[in-house]
N, C-alpha and C. Protein backbone atom coordinates (compact mmCIF):
# COMPACT_ATOMS: atom_id res chain seq x y z
N MET A 1 0.94 -1.29 -0.05
CA MET A 1 0.15 0.10 -0.33
C MET A 1 0.80 1.18 0.09
N ILE A 2 1.96 1.17 0.65
CA ILE A 2 2.87 2.24 1.01
C ILE A 2 3.50 2.20 -0.52
N ILE A 3 4.14 1.63 -1.13
CA ILE A 3 4.95 1.51 -2.32
C ILE A 3 3.70 2.08 -3.57
N ASP A 4 2.50 1.43 -3.43
CA ASP A 4 1.53 1.79 -4.66
C ASP A 4 0.72 3.34 -4.56
N ALA A 5 1.05 3.74 -3.41
CA ALA A 5 0.59 5.20 -3.20
C ALA A 5 1.96 5.93 -3.42
N THR A 6 2.91 5.70 -3.85
CA THR A 6 3.88 6.85 -3.76
C THR A 6 4.35 7.07 -5.16
N THR A 7 4.56 8.22 -5.76
CA THR A 7 4.45 8.52 -7.22
C THR A 7 5.96 7.86 -7.88
N GLY A 8 5.78 6.97 -8.95
CA GLY A 8 6.74 6.59 -9.56
C GLY A 8 7.05 5.07 -9.06
N MET A 9 6.36 4.90 -8.34
CA MET A 9 6.38 3.58 -7.49
C MET A 9 5.75 2.73 -7.99
N SER A 10 5.83 1.13 -7.76
CA SER A 10 4.75 0.19 -7.91
C SER A 10 5.26 -1.28 -8.02
N VAL A 11 4.28 -1.83 -7.22
CA VAL A 11 4.55 -3.05 -6.87
C VAL A 11 4.44 -4.15 -8.07
N VAL A 12 5.45 -4.97 -8.67
CA VAL A 12 5.14 -5.84 -9.63
C VAL A 12 4.71 -7.09 -9.44
N GLY A 13 4.90 -7.68 -8.16
CA GLY A 13 4.41 -8.93 -7.76
C GLY A 13 5.05 -9.10 -6.51
N GLY A 14 4.88 -10.44 -5.71
CA GLY A 14 5.08 -10.62 -4.27
C GLY A 14 5.32 -12.15 -4.28
N ALA A 15 5.72 -12.36 -3.34
CA ALA A 15 6.32 -13.91 -3.29
C ALA A 15 6.17 -14.61 -1.67
N ALA A 16 5.57 -15.47 -1.20
CA ALA A 16 5.71 -15.81 0.25
C ALA A 16 7.09 -16.50 0.49
N ASP A 17 7.98 -17.22 -0.45
CA ASP A 17 8.98 -17.82 0.21
C ASP A 17 10.38 -17.33 -1.14
N GLY A 18 11.34 -17.68 -0.68
CA GLY A 18 12.89 -17.54 -1.66
C GLY A 18 12.45 -18.15 -3.21
N GLU A 19 11.65 -19.24 -3.26
CA GLU A 19 12.03 -19.91 -4.65
C GLU A 19 10.84 -19.59 -5.26
N ALA A 20 9.56 -19.08 -4.67
CA ALA A 20 8.45 -18.47 -5.13
C ALA A 20 9.14 -16.90 -5.85
N ALA A 21 10.10 -16.08 -5.14
CA ALA A 21 10.25 -14.87 -5.64
C ALA A 21 11.22 -15.32 -6.93
N LEU A 22 12.05 -16.46 -6.69
CA LEU A 22 12.93 -16.73 -7.84
C LEU A 22 12.04 -16.92 -9.12
N GLU A 23 11.00 -17.75 -9.10
CA GLU A 23 10.15 -17.90 -10.05
C GLU A 23 9.40 -16.84 -10.70
N ALA A 24 8.83 -15.94 -9.58
CA ALA A 24 8.16 -14.81 -9.90
C ALA A 24 9.21 -13.69 -10.72
N LEU A 25 10.34 -13.85 -10.35
CA LEU A 25 11.10 -12.80 -11.16
C LEU A 25 11.57 -13.34 -12.47
N ARG A 26 11.63 -14.55 -12.48
CA ARG A 26 11.70 -14.97 -14.66
C ARG A 26 10.51 -14.41 -15.20
N ARG A 27 9.46 -14.38 -14.61
CA ARG A 27 8.11 -13.61 -15.81
C ARG A 27 8.51 -12.03 -15.84
N PRO A 28 8.46 -11.55 -17.24
CA PRO A 28 8.64 -10.35 -17.81
C PRO A 28 7.22 -9.38 -16.99
N GLU A 29 6.79 -9.87 -16.72
CA GLU A 29 5.63 -8.64 -15.85
C GLU A 29 6.05 -8.69 -14.41
N CYS A 30 6.94 -8.99 -13.82
CA CYS A 30 7.66 -8.87 -12.83
C CYS A 30 9.09 -8.36 -12.90
N ARG A 31 9.46 -8.05 -13.90
CA ARG A 31 10.61 -7.72 -14.04
C ARG A 31 10.97 -6.07 -13.05
N SER A 32 11.49 -5.95 -12.12
CA SER A 32 12.00 -5.02 -11.28
C SER A 32 13.18 -4.41 -11.12
N ASP A 33 13.21 -2.91 -10.53
CA ASP A 33 14.46 -2.36 -10.38
C ASP A 33 15.03 -2.74 -8.90
N VAL A 34 14.19 -2.74 -7.92
CA VAL A 34 14.59 -3.19 -6.74
C VAL A 34 13.64 -4.53 -5.98
N VAL A 35 14.69 -5.34 -5.16
CA VAL A 35 13.83 -6.29 -4.78
C VAL A 35 13.68 -6.02 -3.11
N LEU A 36 12.83 -6.20 -2.52
CA LEU A 36 12.56 -6.11 -0.68
C LEU A 36 12.49 -7.71 -0.38
N MET A 37 14.01 -8.14 0.19
CA MET A 37 13.94 -9.39 0.50
C MET A 37 14.19 -9.71 1.61
N ASP A 38 13.14 -10.69 2.36
CA ASP A 38 13.09 -11.03 3.70
C ASP A 38 14.35 -11.95 3.97
N ILE A 39 14.79 -11.98 5.11
CA ILE A 39 16.04 -13.03 5.00
C ILE A 39 15.56 -14.06 5.60
N ASN A 40 14.62 -13.99 6.55
CA ASN A 40 14.40 -15.44 6.73
C ASN A 40 12.73 -15.96 6.22
N MET A 41 13.03 -17.01 5.80
CA MET A 41 11.85 -17.81 4.99
C MET A 41 12.09 -18.91 4.87
N PRO A 42 10.81 -19.62 4.71
CA PRO A 42 10.91 -21.21 4.69
C PRO A 42 11.20 -21.53 3.15
N GLY A 43 12.12 -22.65 3.38
CA GLY A 43 12.48 -23.46 1.95
C GLY A 43 13.90 -22.58 1.46
N ILE A 44 13.89 -22.10 0.60
CA ILE A 44 15.08 -21.39 -0.02
C ILE A 44 15.21 -19.57 0.98
N ASP A 45 16.01 -19.58 1.73
CA ASP A 45 15.69 -18.31 2.60
C ASP A 45 15.96 -17.20 1.60
N GLY A 46 16.28 -16.04 2.03
CA GLY A 46 16.41 -14.65 1.48
C GLY A 46 17.70 -14.68 1.06
N ILE A 47 18.89 -14.81 1.43
CA ILE A 47 20.18 -15.09 1.45
C ILE A 47 20.46 -15.95 0.33
N GLU A 48 19.81 -17.25 0.38
CA GLU A 48 20.42 -17.71 -0.82
C GLU A 48 19.59 -17.35 -2.34
N ALA A 49 18.38 -16.93 -1.83
CA ALA A 49 17.78 -16.73 -3.10
C ALA A 49 18.42 -15.32 -3.91
N THR A 50 18.82 -14.50 -2.66
CA THR A 50 19.68 -13.13 -3.52
C THR A 50 20.83 -13.72 -4.26
N ARG A 51 21.55 -14.75 -3.39
CA ARG A 51 22.81 -14.97 -4.32
C ARG A 51 22.28 -15.98 -5.67
N ARG A 52 21.53 -16.38 -5.73
CA ARG A 52 20.88 -16.85 -7.15
C ARG A 52 20.10 -15.97 -7.96
N LEU A 53 19.68 -15.05 -7.13
CA LEU A 53 19.24 -14.10 -8.28
C LEU A 53 20.77 -12.99 -8.89
N LEU A 54 21.27 -12.66 -7.91
CA LEU A 54 22.38 -11.94 -8.37
C LEU A 54 23.37 -12.71 -9.19
N ALA A 55 23.16 -14.10 -9.56
CA ALA A 55 23.88 -14.43 -10.47
C ALA A 55 23.82 -14.21 -12.01
N ALA A 56 22.61 -14.02 -11.85
CA ALA A 56 22.04 -13.39 -13.34
C ALA A 56 22.08 -12.34 -13.83
N PRO A 57 22.78 -11.83 -15.01
CA PRO A 57 22.71 -10.62 -15.58
C PRO A 57 21.69 -9.45 -15.51
N GLY A 58 22.15 -8.25 -15.20
CA GLY A 58 20.69 -7.41 -15.12
C GLY A 58 19.69 -7.71 -14.04
N ALA A 59 20.42 -8.28 -12.99
CA ALA A 59 19.44 -8.52 -11.67
C ALA A 59 18.83 -7.43 -11.44
N PRO A 60 17.98 -7.53 -10.36
CA PRO A 60 17.80 -5.92 -10.00
C PRO A 60 18.57 -6.07 -8.45
N ARG A 61 18.49 -4.61 -7.66
CA ARG A 61 19.15 -4.41 -6.71
C ARG A 61 18.38 -5.12 -5.89
N VAL A 62 18.92 -5.88 -4.38
CA VAL A 62 18.10 -6.49 -3.70
C VAL A 62 18.35 -5.44 -2.41
N VAL A 63 17.30 -5.47 -1.16
CA VAL A 63 17.33 -4.62 -0.19
C VAL A 63 16.71 -5.68 0.61
N MET A 64 17.66 -6.03 2.00
CA MET A 64 17.40 -7.11 3.05
C MET A 64 16.27 -6.56 3.80
N LEU A 65 15.40 -7.47 4.23
CA LEU A 65 14.42 -6.56 5.64
C LEU A 65 14.78 -7.92 6.30
N THR A 66 15.41 -7.06 7.48
CA THR A 66 15.83 -7.65 9.06
C THR A 66 15.47 -7.24 10.24
N THR A 67 15.74 -7.84 11.31
CA THR A 67 15.63 -7.44 12.39
C THR A 67 16.93 -7.17 13.04
N PHE A 68 17.43 -6.35 14.14
CA PHE A 68 18.36 -5.80 14.74
C PHE A 68 19.12 -7.06 15.22
N ASP A 69 18.82 -8.20 15.62
CA ASP A 69 19.93 -9.12 16.27
C ASP A 69 20.28 -9.88 15.17
N THR A 70 20.71 -9.88 13.99
CA THR A 70 20.84 -10.94 13.34
C THR A 70 22.30 -10.37 12.33
N GLU A 71 23.18 -10.13 13.46
CA GLU A 71 24.65 -10.03 12.58
C GLU A 71 24.91 -10.67 11.96
N THR A 72 25.46 -11.81 12.17
CA THR A 72 25.90 -12.85 11.48
C THR A 72 24.99 -13.20 10.16
N LEU A 73 23.48 -12.73 9.94
CA LEU A 73 22.64 -13.02 8.99
C LEU A 73 23.11 -11.96 7.69
N LEU A 74 23.38 -10.73 8.53
CA LEU A 74 23.47 -9.44 7.67
C LEU A 74 25.11 -9.97 6.99
N VAL A 75 26.14 -10.08 7.97
CA VAL A 75 27.14 -10.29 6.81
C VAL A 75 27.15 -11.41 5.61
N GLU A 76 26.37 -12.23 5.85
CA GLU A 76 25.91 -13.43 5.18
C GLU A 76 24.93 -12.57 3.71
N ALA A 77 24.24 -11.81 4.20
CA ALA A 77 23.27 -11.42 2.96
C ALA A 77 24.24 -10.37 2.68
N LEU A 78 25.22 -9.55 2.83
CA LEU A 78 25.99 -8.78 2.21
C LEU A 78 27.20 -9.53 1.19
N GLN A 79 27.90 -10.43 1.76
CA GLN A 79 28.72 -11.51 0.60
C GLN A 79 27.70 -12.20 -0.46
N ALA A 80 26.57 -12.03 -0.07
CA ALA A 80 25.60 -12.32 -1.40
C ALA A 80 25.00 -11.57 -2.23
N GLY A 81 25.65 -10.18 -1.98
CA GLY A 81 25.58 -9.20 -2.59
C GLY A 81 24.51 -8.36 -2.66
N ALA A 82 23.68 -8.44 -1.62
CA ALA A 82 22.93 -7.46 -0.99
C ALA A 82 23.22 -5.90 -1.19
N SER A 83 22.40 -4.91 -1.72
CA SER A 83 22.71 -3.32 -2.06
C SER A 83 22.33 -3.00 -0.35
N GLY A 84 21.47 -3.43 0.61
CA GLY A 84 21.04 -2.62 1.63
C GLY A 84 20.44 -3.26 2.60
N PHE A 85 20.02 -2.67 3.52
CA PHE A 85 19.45 -3.45 4.75
C PHE A 85 18.59 -2.36 5.57
N LEU A 86 17.33 -3.22 5.47
CA LEU A 86 16.46 -2.34 6.09
C LEU A 86 15.72 -3.21 7.32
N VAL A 87 15.58 -2.27 8.38
CA VAL A 87 14.69 -2.90 9.68
C VAL A 87 13.32 -3.19 9.27
N LYS A 88 12.81 -4.09 9.95
CA LYS A 88 11.28 -4.25 9.61
C LYS A 88 10.27 -3.12 10.09
N ASP A 89 10.62 -2.43 11.32
CA ASP A 89 9.84 -1.74 11.30
C ASP A 89 10.12 -0.52 11.38
N ALA A 90 10.48 -0.18 9.77
CA ALA A 90 11.03 0.95 9.32
C ALA A 90 9.74 1.82 8.79
N GLY A 91 9.64 3.11 9.17
CA GLY A 91 8.41 4.08 8.62
C GLY A 91 8.37 3.99 7.55
N ALA A 92 7.02 4.40 6.85
CA ALA A 92 7.13 4.70 5.36
C ALA A 92 7.59 5.61 4.85
N MET A 93 8.37 6.43 5.37
CA MET A 93 9.59 7.44 4.64
C MET A 93 10.46 6.74 4.36
N GLU A 94 10.88 6.03 5.58
CA GLU A 94 12.16 4.96 5.77
C GLU A 94 12.44 4.40 4.38
N LEU A 95 11.19 3.47 4.48
CA LEU A 95 11.08 2.47 3.42
C LEU A 95 10.95 3.03 2.07
N VAL A 96 10.60 4.17 1.46
CA VAL A 96 10.36 4.58 0.45
C VAL A 96 11.77 5.38 0.08
N ALA A 97 12.57 5.93 1.17
CA ALA A 97 13.90 6.72 0.44
C ALA A 97 14.74 5.75 0.42
N ALA A 98 14.71 4.36 1.17
CA ALA A 98 15.44 3.33 0.98
C ALA A 98 15.53 2.78 -0.40
N ILE A 99 14.20 2.67 -1.14
CA ILE A 99 13.82 2.04 -2.12
C ILE A 99 14.51 2.87 -3.48
N ARG A 100 14.23 4.29 -3.38
CA ARG A 100 14.69 4.93 -3.98
C ARG A 100 16.32 5.28 -4.17
N ALA A 101 16.95 5.08 -3.37
CA ALA A 101 18.44 5.10 -3.09
C ALA A 101 18.84 3.63 -3.70
N ALA A 102 18.21 2.58 -3.39
CA ALA A 102 18.73 1.22 -4.19
C ALA A 102 18.84 1.80 -5.52
N ALA A 103 17.49 1.95 -5.98
CA ALA A 103 17.21 2.01 -7.45
C ALA A 103 18.56 3.06 -8.38
N ALA A 104 18.80 4.43 -7.31
CA ALA A 104 20.04 4.64 -7.85
C ALA A 104 21.42 4.55 -7.62
N GLY A 105 21.76 3.16 -7.29
CA GLY A 105 22.58 2.60 -7.26
C GLY A 105 23.37 2.91 -5.64
N GLU A 106 23.12 3.65 -4.57
CA GLU A 106 23.21 3.53 -3.37
C GLU A 106 23.16 2.23 -2.49
N ALA A 107 23.50 2.35 -1.44
CA ALA A 107 23.55 1.53 -0.57
C ALA A 107 22.40 1.75 0.65
N PRO A 108 21.58 1.98 0.76
CA PRO A 108 20.52 1.90 2.11
C PRO A 108 20.67 1.35 2.82
N ILE A 109 21.30 1.60 4.30
CA ILE A 109 21.54 0.89 5.72
C ILE A 109 20.78 1.48 6.64
N ALA A 110 20.15 0.73 7.37
CA ALA A 110 19.45 1.56 8.36
C ALA A 110 20.42 1.95 9.59
N PRO A 111 20.66 3.41 9.79
CA PRO A 111 21.15 3.64 10.66
C PRO A 111 21.84 2.99 12.16
N ARG A 112 20.79 2.47 12.67
CA ARG A 112 21.19 1.65 13.92
C ARG A 112 22.00 0.09 13.49
N LEU A 113 21.72 -0.22 12.31
CA LEU A 113 22.39 -1.52 12.05
C LEU A 113 23.82 -1.13 11.31
N MET A 114 24.19 0.05 10.98
CA MET A 114 25.54 0.47 10.56
C MET A 114 26.66 -0.60 11.26
N ARG A 115 26.53 0.03 12.47
CA ARG A 115 27.78 0.07 13.43
C ARG A 115 27.83 -1.70 13.63
N ARG A 116 26.46 -2.28 14.00
CA ARG A 116 26.73 -3.92 14.11
C ARG A 116 27.31 -4.35 12.68
N LEU A 117 26.72 -3.93 11.60
CA LEU A 117 27.03 -4.60 10.20
C LEU A 117 28.46 -4.52 10.08
N VAL A 118 29.16 -3.30 10.29
CA VAL A 118 30.55 -3.06 9.81
C VAL A 118 31.41 -3.93 10.80
N ASP A 119 31.35 -4.22 12.36
CA ASP A 119 31.82 -4.41 13.53
C ASP A 119 31.78 -6.12 12.99
N SER A 120 30.63 -6.33 12.84
CA SER A 120 30.36 -7.95 12.57
C SER A 120 31.37 -8.12 11.09
N PHE A 121 31.42 -7.89 9.97
CA PHE A 121 31.64 -7.73 9.07
C PHE A 121 33.32 -7.76 9.08
N VAL A 122 33.82 -7.01 10.00
CA VAL A 122 35.26 -6.87 9.89
C VAL A 122 35.71 -8.15 10.83
N LEU A 123 35.20 -8.93 11.96
CA LEU A 123 35.45 -9.79 12.31
C LEU A 123 35.31 -11.32 11.66
N THR A 124 34.47 -11.56 10.77
CA THR A 124 33.81 -12.54 9.86
C THR A 124 34.87 -12.33 8.63
N ALA A 125 35.24 -11.12 8.16
CA ALA A 125 35.87 -11.28 6.74
C ALA A 125 37.68 -11.69 7.29
N ARG A 126 37.96 -11.48 8.48
CA ARG A 126 39.30 -12.06 8.96
C ARG A 126 39.68 -13.54 8.16
N ALA A 127 38.74 -14.57 7.61
CA ALA A 127 38.86 -15.77 7.03
C ALA A 127 38.60 -15.40 5.70
N PRO A 128 38.98 -15.80 4.71
CA PRO A 128 38.29 -15.50 3.09
C PRO A 128 36.85 -16.48 3.01
N HIS A 129 36.75 -15.50 1.90
CA HIS A 129 35.32 -15.76 1.53
C HIS A 129 34.84 -15.39 0.18
N GLU A 130 34.16 -16.07 -0.26
CA GLU A 130 33.84 -16.10 -1.91
C GLU A 130 32.33 -16.06 -1.81
N GLY A 131 31.95 -14.70 -3.03
CA GLY A 131 30.89 -14.43 -3.22
C GLY A 131 30.77 -12.91 -4.13
N PRO A 132 29.50 -12.72 -4.65
CA PRO A 132 29.57 -11.90 -5.21
C PRO A 132 30.18 -10.02 -4.60
N THR A 133 29.86 -10.12 -3.55
CA THR A 133 30.51 -8.81 -2.84
C THR A 133 31.96 -9.09 -2.16
N GLY A 134 31.53 -9.92 -0.83
CA GLY A 134 33.04 -10.30 -0.08
C GLY A 134 33.59 -9.29 0.57
N PRO A 135 34.64 -9.37 1.17
CA PRO A 135 35.09 -8.62 2.10
C PRO A 135 36.04 -7.47 0.80
N PRO A 136 36.34 -6.00 1.38
CA PRO A 136 37.12 -5.39 0.59
C PRO A 136 38.20 -5.69 0.40
N PRO A 137 38.90 -5.29 -0.75
CA PRO A 137 40.63 -5.78 -1.30
C PRO A 137 41.36 -5.15 0.06
N CYS A 138 42.50 -6.18 -0.02
CA CYS A 138 43.85 -6.23 1.16
C CYS A 138 44.00 -4.86 0.55
N ASP A 139 44.64 -4.28 -0.53
CA ASP A 139 45.09 -3.03 -0.91
C ASP A 139 44.24 -2.09 -0.23
N THR A 140 44.30 -1.18 0.90
CA THR A 140 43.35 -0.42 1.26
C THR A 140 43.94 1.06 0.98
N SER A 141 45.38 1.12 0.36
CA SER A 141 45.98 2.48 0.06
C SER A 141 44.97 3.60 -0.10
N LEU A 142 44.98 4.43 0.18
CA LEU A 142 44.38 5.76 -0.09
C LEU A 142 45.08 6.56 -0.63
N ASP A 143 46.18 6.00 -1.53
CA ASP A 143 47.13 7.23 -1.77
C ASP A 143 46.77 7.53 -3.15
N THR A 144 45.93 6.58 -3.73
CA THR A 144 45.75 7.01 -5.50
C THR A 144 44.30 7.74 -5.37
N LEU A 145 44.06 8.05 -4.36
CA LEU A 145 42.69 9.00 -4.26
C LEU A 145 43.27 10.62 -4.03
N THR A 146 42.40 11.12 -4.84
CA THR A 146 42.51 12.91 -4.60
C THR A 146 42.13 13.37 -3.45
N ALA A 147 42.40 14.54 -2.58
CA ALA A 147 41.84 14.96 -1.12
C ALA A 147 40.47 14.92 -1.45
N ARG A 148 39.61 15.43 -2.49
CA ARG A 148 38.18 15.32 -2.68
C ARG A 148 37.77 14.25 -2.49
N GLU A 149 38.49 12.78 -3.08
CA GLU A 149 37.89 11.53 -3.16
C GLU A 149 37.72 11.00 -1.66
N ARG A 150 39.42 11.38 -0.79
CA ARG A 150 39.22 11.14 0.20
C ARG A 150 37.97 11.60 1.47
N GLU A 151 37.53 12.51 1.18
CA GLU A 151 36.68 13.41 1.71
C GLU A 151 35.01 13.10 1.44
N ILE A 152 35.00 12.48 0.23
CA ILE A 152 33.74 11.68 -0.17
C ILE A 152 33.81 10.16 0.67
N LEU A 153 34.67 9.54 0.53
CA LEU A 153 34.93 8.10 1.26
C LEU A 153 34.44 8.14 2.46
N ALA A 154 35.20 9.32 3.17
CA ALA A 154 34.62 9.55 4.45
C ALA A 154 33.58 9.77 4.86
N ALA A 155 32.92 10.72 4.46
CA ALA A 155 31.67 11.23 4.27
C ALA A 155 30.60 9.73 4.18
N VAL A 156 31.19 8.96 3.00
CA VAL A 156 30.26 7.90 2.83
C VAL A 156 30.46 6.86 4.05
N GLY A 157 31.43 6.96 4.61
CA GLY A 157 31.97 5.95 5.81
C GLY A 157 30.46 6.53 7.03
N LEU A 158 30.30 7.49 7.11
CA LEU A 158 29.49 8.27 7.89
C LEU A 158 28.37 7.78 7.80
N GLY A 159 28.01 7.08 6.70
CA GLY A 159 26.76 6.79 6.27
C GLY A 159 25.52 8.23 5.76
N LEU A 160 26.37 8.80 5.17
CA LEU A 160 25.52 9.66 4.33
C LEU A 160 25.14 9.60 3.35
N THR A 161 24.38 10.01 2.39
CA THR A 161 23.80 9.70 1.16
C THR A 161 24.34 10.70 0.38
N ASN A 162 24.34 10.69 -0.97
CA ASN A 162 24.85 11.35 -1.96
C ASN A 162 24.40 13.08 -1.74
N SER A 163 23.02 13.04 -1.85
CA SER A 163 22.40 14.29 -1.26
C SER A 163 23.31 15.21 -0.40
N GLU A 164 23.24 14.49 0.64
CA GLU A 164 23.55 15.11 2.07
C GLU A 164 25.10 15.63 1.90
N ILE A 165 26.19 14.29 0.95
CA ILE A 165 27.31 14.71 0.93
C ILE A 165 27.62 16.06 -0.12
N ALA A 166 26.26 16.28 -1.53
CA ALA A 166 26.53 17.06 -1.95
C ALA A 166 26.65 18.86 -1.03
N VAL A 167 25.48 18.72 -0.15
CA VAL A 167 25.49 19.84 0.69
C VAL A 167 26.36 20.05 1.57
N ARG A 168 27.05 18.85 2.00
CA ARG A 168 28.02 19.33 3.30
C ARG A 168 29.46 20.04 2.40
N PHE A 169 29.72 19.37 1.49
CA PHE A 169 30.61 20.18 0.40
C PHE A 169 30.26 20.92 -0.62
N HIS A 170 29.47 21.34 -0.83
CA HIS A 170 28.67 22.53 -1.57
C HIS A 170 29.19 22.39 -3.03
N VAL A 171 28.28 21.07 -3.22
CA VAL A 171 28.68 20.66 -4.93
C VAL A 171 28.03 19.94 -5.37
N ALA A 172 27.52 19.69 -6.90
CA ALA A 172 26.38 19.21 -7.43
C ALA A 172 26.31 17.81 -6.83
N GLU A 173 25.13 17.06 -6.85
CA GLU A 173 25.05 15.61 -6.13
C GLU A 173 25.56 14.75 -7.50
N SER A 174 25.74 15.25 -8.81
CA SER A 174 26.34 14.35 -10.00
C SER A 174 27.58 14.52 -9.56
N THR A 175 28.28 15.77 -8.94
CA THR A 175 29.67 15.77 -9.06
C THR A 175 29.81 14.50 -7.87
N VAL A 176 29.30 14.41 -6.93
CA VAL A 176 29.49 13.09 -5.53
C VAL A 176 29.68 12.25 -6.57
N LYS A 177 28.48 11.81 -6.89
CA LYS A 177 28.54 10.76 -7.63
C LYS A 177 29.76 10.13 -8.55
N THR A 178 30.31 11.08 -9.64
CA THR A 178 31.37 11.38 -9.88
C THR A 178 32.54 10.56 -9.24
N HIS A 179 32.86 11.32 -8.17
CA HIS A 179 33.68 11.22 -6.94
C HIS A 179 33.78 9.54 -6.58
N LEU A 180 32.67 9.56 -6.07
CA LEU A 180 32.26 8.07 -5.79
C LEU A 180 32.47 7.11 -6.47
N GLY A 181 32.65 7.00 -7.87
CA GLY A 181 32.60 6.13 -8.88
C GLY A 181 34.27 5.94 -9.05
N SER A 182 34.81 7.18 -9.03
CA SER A 182 36.27 6.92 -9.19
C SER A 182 36.82 6.46 -8.12
N VAL A 183 36.48 6.33 -6.89
CA VAL A 183 36.77 5.78 -5.51
C VAL A 183 36.68 4.43 -5.61
N LEU A 184 35.74 4.13 -5.88
CA LEU A 184 35.08 2.44 -6.21
C LEU A 184 36.00 1.92 -7.28
N ARG A 185 36.48 2.63 -8.29
CA ARG A 185 37.24 2.11 -9.67
C ARG A 185 38.77 2.05 -9.15
N LYS A 186 39.13 3.15 -8.48
CA LYS A 186 40.71 3.33 -7.77
C LYS A 186 40.71 1.94 -6.61
N LEU A 187 40.01 1.97 -5.90
CA LEU A 187 40.31 1.01 -4.64
C LEU A 187 39.44 -0.12 -4.71
N GLY A 188 39.21 -0.74 -6.57
CA GLY A 188 38.74 -2.11 -6.45
C GLY A 188 37.51 -2.40 -5.70
N LEU A 189 36.50 -1.53 -5.23
CA LEU A 189 35.23 -1.92 -4.26
C LEU A 189 34.17 -2.20 -5.11
N ARG A 190 33.66 -3.16 -5.03
CA ARG A 190 32.19 -3.44 -5.79
C ARG A 190 31.15 -2.31 -5.95
N ASP A 191 31.01 -1.80 -4.48
CA ASP A 191 29.71 -1.10 -4.38
C ASP A 191 29.88 -0.18 -3.13
N ARG A 192 28.71 0.44 -2.70
CA ARG A 192 28.99 1.67 -1.97
C ARG A 192 29.39 0.95 -0.50
N VAL A 193 28.45 -0.27 -0.22
CA VAL A 193 28.76 -1.13 0.90
C VAL A 193 29.93 -1.26 1.19
N GLN A 194 30.62 -1.57 0.30
CA GLN A 194 32.05 -2.04 0.48
C GLN A 194 33.02 -1.01 0.94
N ALA A 195 32.62 0.19 0.48
CA ALA A 195 32.98 1.53 0.26
C ALA A 195 33.16 2.09 2.11
N VAL A 196 31.70 1.76 2.34
CA VAL A 196 31.52 2.18 3.88
C VAL A 196 32.32 1.45 4.90
N ILE A 197 32.56 -0.11 4.48
CA ILE A 197 33.31 -0.88 5.24
C ILE A 197 34.58 -0.33 5.47
N LEU A 198 35.13 -0.29 4.20
CA LEU A 198 36.73 0.21 4.15
C LEU A 198 36.72 1.75 4.66
N ALA A 199 36.03 2.63 4.47
CA ALA A 199 35.99 3.93 5.22
C ALA A 199 36.26 3.41 6.75
N ARG A 200 35.38 2.89 7.07
CA ARG A 200 34.98 2.42 8.99
C ARG A 200 36.35 1.82 9.35
N THR A 201 36.75 0.97 8.66
CA THR A 201 37.88 -0.19 9.35
C THR A 201 39.57 1.00 8.88
N VAL A 202 39.53 1.40 7.96
CA VAL A 202 40.60 1.90 7.66
C VAL A 202 40.66 3.46 8.79
N GLY A 203 39.56 3.89 8.89
CA GLY A 203 39.34 5.18 10.19
C GLY A 203 40.17 6.40 9.48
N GLY A 204 40.52 6.63 8.40
CA GLY A 204 41.36 7.67 7.66
C GLY A 204 40.28 8.93 8.06
N SER A 205 41.05 10.39 8.21
CA SER A 205 40.37 11.29 8.10
C SER A 205 40.41 12.25 6.75
N ALA A 206 39.74 12.95 6.46
CA ALA A 206 40.27 13.36 5.08
C ALA A 206 40.43 14.99 5.24
N PRO A 207 41.34 15.57 4.66
CA PRO A 207 41.75 17.16 4.20
C PRO A 207 40.25 18.16 4.79
N LYS A 208 40.31 18.84 5.51
CA LYS A 208 39.55 19.64 5.42
C LYS A 208 39.19 20.77 4.36
N ASP A 209 40.34 21.30 3.60
CA ASP A 209 40.25 22.49 2.78
C ASP A 209 40.45 21.82 1.58
N ALA A 210 40.26 20.73 1.10
CA ALA A 210 40.65 19.92 -0.24
C ALA A 210 39.62 20.80 -1.32
N GLU A 211 40.15 20.48 -2.44
CA GLU A 211 39.44 21.60 -3.48
C GLU A 211 38.53 20.40 -4.06
């Protein structure tokens, strides 16, 4: 009801479990930009469904629906390729904002999940993992970044959106997207989620007077 009542959005399908979701998403009428995926489901759970879904080219972005106390599952969902995490009791505005952010290529993560997610991932990622996301590369040197790119990375690590970063640095949102894309490319990061983890684990500060 919330999504269908929002301008520019519509629900194209729904499913009760992971297997039904994968089957539905194969149908042309259910082609979507964003999938809201519950983690705990009977049969194929949300993590495995996400892994299978994202193995196909042109797959939609996946935002996981989760509870506050499932750190291990959050890490597994990240490794499966999920783009964001939303708490189930999120309000209507937060839900809509997360969907829009995911569709725009950002990584919406509920603020109260951010620290748990990063801390758990850092501990879990000490052992090798395979998957479409995985831990950030071992080479985390920021020497290849410009001063402005380091500022953008630090802001991403604080959980700021592109629009919030644009306001902070008095630049256009498109400029932020360009800088962030350059950061991901230079550091070999898959997406914004990895950038957040790297920024939190490296913990470096950006110059205050970067141009």
